[in-house]
Amino acid sequence: MSPIDQVLAAARALEVSGKTPSLALLKTRLGTSLPLPLLIQGLQQFKALPKAERERLIEPPINPQASAPVTQTVSMTQLAEQLATQQAYFTQLIAKQQAQIVQLQNELLELKQHLNLSATQGNPE
């Protein structure tokens, strides 16, 4: 199938699905594998075809580059891994901060006890 045939078939498929073929829709459907001047030429040819000839056009196979579910799946997987890594990091950070808080509370308690002891013994510190 020639590139022009691909454009014509894609335009027909759009028309069958109830959409008016346009340059933007063709570009989305066919991906970036075809140059823009070729898309324009194919669209012009399609619009010039009689209805009977349009109906004889076949639909091209879908360009895998034009569809993005695989990319979205990979992106979701990557996001899930990043989220798990961040959750582990923040869990460790929280545990470390809680340990520091407990240590500071113990030091404060010791200082209060030392201050009370000094006050009862009359040592001015």
C-alpha atoms as a PDB file:
ATOM      1  CA  MET A   1       0.000   0.000   0.000  1.00  0.00           C
ATOM      2  CA  SER A   2       1.496   3.311  -1.080  1.00  0.00           C
ATOM      3  CA  PRO A   3       1.603   6.281   1.307  1.00  0.00           C
ATOM      4  CA  ILE A   4      -1.159   8.038  -0.649  1.00  0.00           C
ATOM      5  CA  ASP A   5      -3.273   4.878  -0.433  1.00  0.00           C
ATOM      6  CA  GLN A   6      -2.713   4.863   3.332  1.00  0.00           C
ATOM      7  CA  VAL A   7      -3.934   8.451   3.578  1.00  0.00           C
ATOM      8  CA  LEU A   8      -6.966   7.717   1.396  1.00  0.00           C
ATOM      9  CA  ALA A   9      -7.848   4.622   3.401  1.00  0.00           C
ATOM     10  CA  ALA A  10      -7.435   6.470   6.704  1.00  0.00           C
ATOM     11  CA  ALA A  11      -9.684   9.266   5.432  1.00  0.00           C
ATOM     12  CA  ARG A  12     -12.292   6.672   4.423  1.00  0.00           C
ATOM     13  CA  ALA A  13     -12.093   5.027   7.839  1.00  0.00           C
ATOM     14  CA  LEU A  14     -12.684   8.391   9.492  1.00  0.00           C
ATOM     15  CA  GLU A  15     -15.631   9.030   7.214  1.00  0.00           C
ATOM     16  CA  VAL A  16     -17.128   5.599   7.990  1.00  0.00           C
ATOM     17  CA  SER A  17     -16.799   6.318  11.722  1.00  0.00           C
ATOM     18  CA  GLY A  18     -18.887   9.473  11.252  1.00  0.00           C
ATOM     19  CA  LYS A  19     -16.043  11.976  11.315  1.00  0.00           C
ATOM     20  CA  THR A  20     -15.196  14.456   8.588  1.00  0.00           C
ATOM     21  CA  PRO A  21     -11.627  13.695   7.477  1.00  0.00           C
ATOM     22  CA  SER A  22      -9.262  16.535   8.325  1.00  0.00           C
ATOM     23  CA  LEU A  23      -5.529  17.006   8.378  1.00  0.00           C
ATOM     24  CA  ALA A  24      -5.429  16.823  12.181  1.00  0.00           C
ATOM     25  CA  LEU A  25      -7.471  13.605  12.317  1.00  0.00           C
ATOM     26  CA  LEU A  26      -5.340  11.999   9.602  1.00  0.00           C
ATOM     27  CA  LYS A  27      -2.164  12.972  11.397  1.00  0.00           C
ATOM     28  CA  THR A  28      -3.481  11.477  14.629  1.00  0.00           C
ATOM     29  CA  ARG A  29      -4.575   8.274  12.918  1.00  0.00           C
ATOM     30  CA  LEU A  30      -1.437   7.725  10.830  1.00  0.00           C
ATOM     31  CA  GLY A  31       1.143   9.059  13.263  1.00  0.00           C
ATOM     32  CA  THR A  32       4.243  10.949  12.210  1.00  0.00           C
ATOM     33  CA  SER A  33       5.466   8.387   9.694  1.00  0.00           C
ATOM     34  CA  LEU A  34       4.131  10.336   6.697  1.00  0.00           C
ATOM     35  CA  PRO A  35       5.258  13.861   5.765  1.00  0.00           C
ATOM     36  CA  LEU A  36       2.733  16.685   5.985  1.00  0.00           C
ATOM     37  CA  PRO A  37       2.698  17.489   2.228  1.00  0.00           C
ATOM     38  CA  LEU A  38       1.747  13.869   1.530  1.00  0.00           C
ATOM     39  CA  LEU A  39      -1.093  14.040   4.058  1.00  0.00           C
ATOM     40  CA  ILE A  40      -2.369  17.237   2.441  1.00  0.00           C
ATOM     41  CA  GLN A  41      -2.163  15.717  -1.049  1.00  0.00           C
ATOM     42  CA  GLY A  42      -3.971  12.555   0.073  1.00  0.00           C
ATOM     43  CA  LEU A  43      -6.724  14.536   1.802  1.00  0.00           C
ATOM     44  CA  GLN A  44      -7.254  16.666  -1.299  1.00  0.00           C
ATOM     45  CA  GLN A  45      -7.459  13.532  -3.462  1.00  0.00           C
ATOM     46  CA  PHE A  46      -9.936  11.959  -1.054  1.00  0.00           C
ATOM     47  CA  LYS A  47     -12.199  14.997  -1.112  1.00  0.00           C
ATOM     48  CA  ALA A  48     -12.106  14.974  -4.927  1.00  0.00           C
ATOM     49  CA  LEU A  49     -13.135  11.289  -5.169  1.00  0.00           C
ATOM     50  CA  PRO A  50     -16.715  10.436  -6.074  1.00  0.00           C
ATOM     51  CA  LYS A  51     -18.667   8.700  -3.301  1.00  0.00           C
ATOM     52  CA  ALA A  52     -18.657   5.362  -5.152  1.00  0.00           C
ATOM     53  CA  GLU A  53     -14.860   5.320  -5.319  1.00  0.00           C
ATOM     54  CA  ARG A  54     -14.549   6.324  -1.661  1.00  0.00           C
ATOM     55  CA  GLU A  55     -16.585   3.289  -0.639  1.00  0.00           C
ATOM     56  CA  ARG A  56     -14.135   0.947  -2.366  1.00  0.00           C
ATOM     57  CA  LEU A  57     -11.182   2.140  -0.281  1.00  0.00           C
ATOM     58  CA  ILE A  58      -9.887  -0.215   2.405  1.00  0.00           C
ATOM     59  CA  GLU A  59      -8.906   0.769   5.921  1.00  0.00           C
ATOM     60  CA  PRO A  60      -5.150   0.692   6.661  1.00  0.00           C
ATOM     61  CA  PRO A  61      -3.732  -1.201   9.608  1.00  0.00           C
ATOM     62  CA  ILE A  62      -3.455   0.966  12.706  1.00  0.00           C
ATOM     63  CA  ASN A  63      -0.013   2.491  13.144  1.00  0.00           C
ATOM     64  CA  PRO A  64       1.407   1.268  16.486  1.00  0.00           C
ATOM     65  CA  GLN A  65       3.220   4.588  16.911  1.00  0.00           C
ATOM     66  CA  ALA A  66      -0.088   6.440  16.755  1.00  0.00           C
ATOM     67  CA  SER A  67      -1.612   4.537  19.674  1.00  0.00           C
ATOM     68  CA  ALA A  68      -0.266   5.116  23.160  1.00  0.00           C
ATOM     69  CA  PRO A  69      -1.671   2.437  25.528  1.00  0.00           C
ATOM     70  CA  VAL A  70       1.734   0.747  25.827  1.00  0.00           C
ATOM     71  CA  THR A  71       3.358   4.066  26.690  1.00  0.00           C
ATOM     72  CA  GLN A  72       0.643   4.749  29.239  1.00  0.00           C
ATOM     73  CA  THR A  73       1.135   1.301  30.767  1.00  0.00           C
ATOM     74  CA  VAL A  74       4.869   1.851  31.040  1.00  0.00           C
ATOM     75  CA  SER A  75       4.264   5.279  32.514  1.00  0.00           C
ATOM     76  CA  MET A  76       1.841   3.872  35.078  1.00  0.00           C
ATOM     77  CA  THR A  77       4.365   1.176  36.001  1.00  0.00           C
ATOM     78  CA  GLN A  78       7.099   3.758  36.384  1.00  0.00           C
ATOM     79  CA  LEU A  79       4.835   5.964  38.485  1.00  0.00           C
ATOM     80  CA  ALA A  80       3.927   3.027  40.719  1.00  0.00           C
ATOM     81  CA  GLU A  81       7.624   2.229  41.250  1.00  0.00           C
ATOM     82  CA  GLN A  82       8.415   5.876  42.025  1.00  0.00           C
ATOM     83  CA  LEU A  83       5.529   6.032  44.471  1.00  0.00           C
ATOM     84  CA  ALA A  84       6.699   2.868  46.249  1.00  0.00           C
ATOM     85  CA  THR A  85      10.243   4.258  46.487  1.00  0.00           C
ATOM     86  CA  GLN A  86       8.993   7.568  47.884  1.00  0.00           C
ATOM     87  CA  GLN A  87       6.737   5.827  50.389  1.00  0.00           C
ATOM     88  CA  ALA A  88       9.666   3.737  51.648  1.00  0.00           C
ATOM     89  CA  TYR A  89      11.835   6.858  51.923  1.00  0.00           C
ATOM     90  CA  PHE A  90       9.193   8.782  53.870  1.00  0.00           C
ATOM     91  CA  THR A  91       8.516   5.806  56.154  1.00  0.00           C
ATOM     92  CA  GLN A  92      12.227   5.681  57.037  1.00  0.00           C
ATOM     93  CA  LEU A  93      12.324   9.453  57.503  1.00  0.00           C
ATOM     94  CA  ILE A  94       9.307   9.365  59.837  1.00  0.00           C
ATOM     95  CA  ALA A  95      10.858   6.566  61.898  1.00  0.00           C
ATOM     96  CA  LYS A  96      14.116   8.524  62.191  1.00  0.00           C
ATOM     97  CA  GLN A  97      12.306  11.699  63.249  1.00  0.00           C
ATOM     98  CA  GLN A  98      10.223   9.808  65.806  1.00  0.00           C
ATOM     99  CA  ALA A  99      13.431   8.383  67.300  1.00  0.00           C
ATOM    100  CA  GLN A 100      14.906  11.899  67.480  1.00  0.00           C
ATOM    101  CA  ILE A 101      11.746  13.199  69.186  1.00  0.00           C
ATOM    102  CA  VAL A 102      11.914  10.428  71.791  1.00  0.00           C
ATOM    103  CA  GLN A 103      15.608  11.219  72.381  1.00  0.00           C
ATOM    104  CA  LEU A 104      14.860  14.936  72.788  1.00  0.00           C
ATOM    105  CA  GLN A 105      11.999  14.180  75.192  1.00  0.00           C
ATOM    106  CA  ASN A 106      14.337  12.027  77.298  1.00  0.00           C
ATOM    107  CA  GLU A 107      16.995  14.762  77.337  1.00  0.00           C
ATOM    108  CA  LEU A 108      14.373  17.324  78.369  1.00  0.00           C
ATOM    109  CA  LEU A 109      13.190  15.058  81.159  1.00  0.00           C
ATOM    110  CA  GLU A 110      16.792  14.609  82.366  1.00  0.00           C
ATOM    111  CA  LEU A 111      17.352  18.375  82.311  1.00  0.00           C
ATOM    112  CA  LYS A 112      14.167  18.985  84.298  1.00  0.00           C
ATOM    113  CA  GLN A 113      15.217  16.373  86.842  1.00  0.00           C
ATOM    114  CA  HIS A 114      18.702  17.914  87.092  1.00  0.00           C
ATOM    115  CA  LEU A 115      17.174  21.383  87.498  1.00  0.00           C
ATOM    116  CA  ASN A 116      14.804  20.165  90.226  1.00  0.00           C
ATOM    117  CA  LEU A 117      17.653  18.399  92.006  1.00  0.00           C
ATOM    118  CA  SER A 118      19.765  21.540  91.857  1.00  0.00           C
ATOM    119  CA  ALA A 119      16.918  23.663  93.154  1.00  0.00           C
ATOM    120  CA  THR A 120      16.301  21.327  96.116  1.00  0.00           C
ATOM    121  CA  GLN A 121      20.024  21.240  97.028  1.00  0.00           C
ATOM    122  CA  GLY A 122      20.350  24.971  96.699  1.00  0.00           C
ATOM    123  CA  ASN A 123      22.997  24.890  93.962  1.00  0.00           C
ATOM    124  CA  PRO A 124      22.649  27.921  91.730  1.00  0.00           C
ATOM    125  CA  GLU A 125      23.413  26.599  88.299  1.00  0.00           C
END
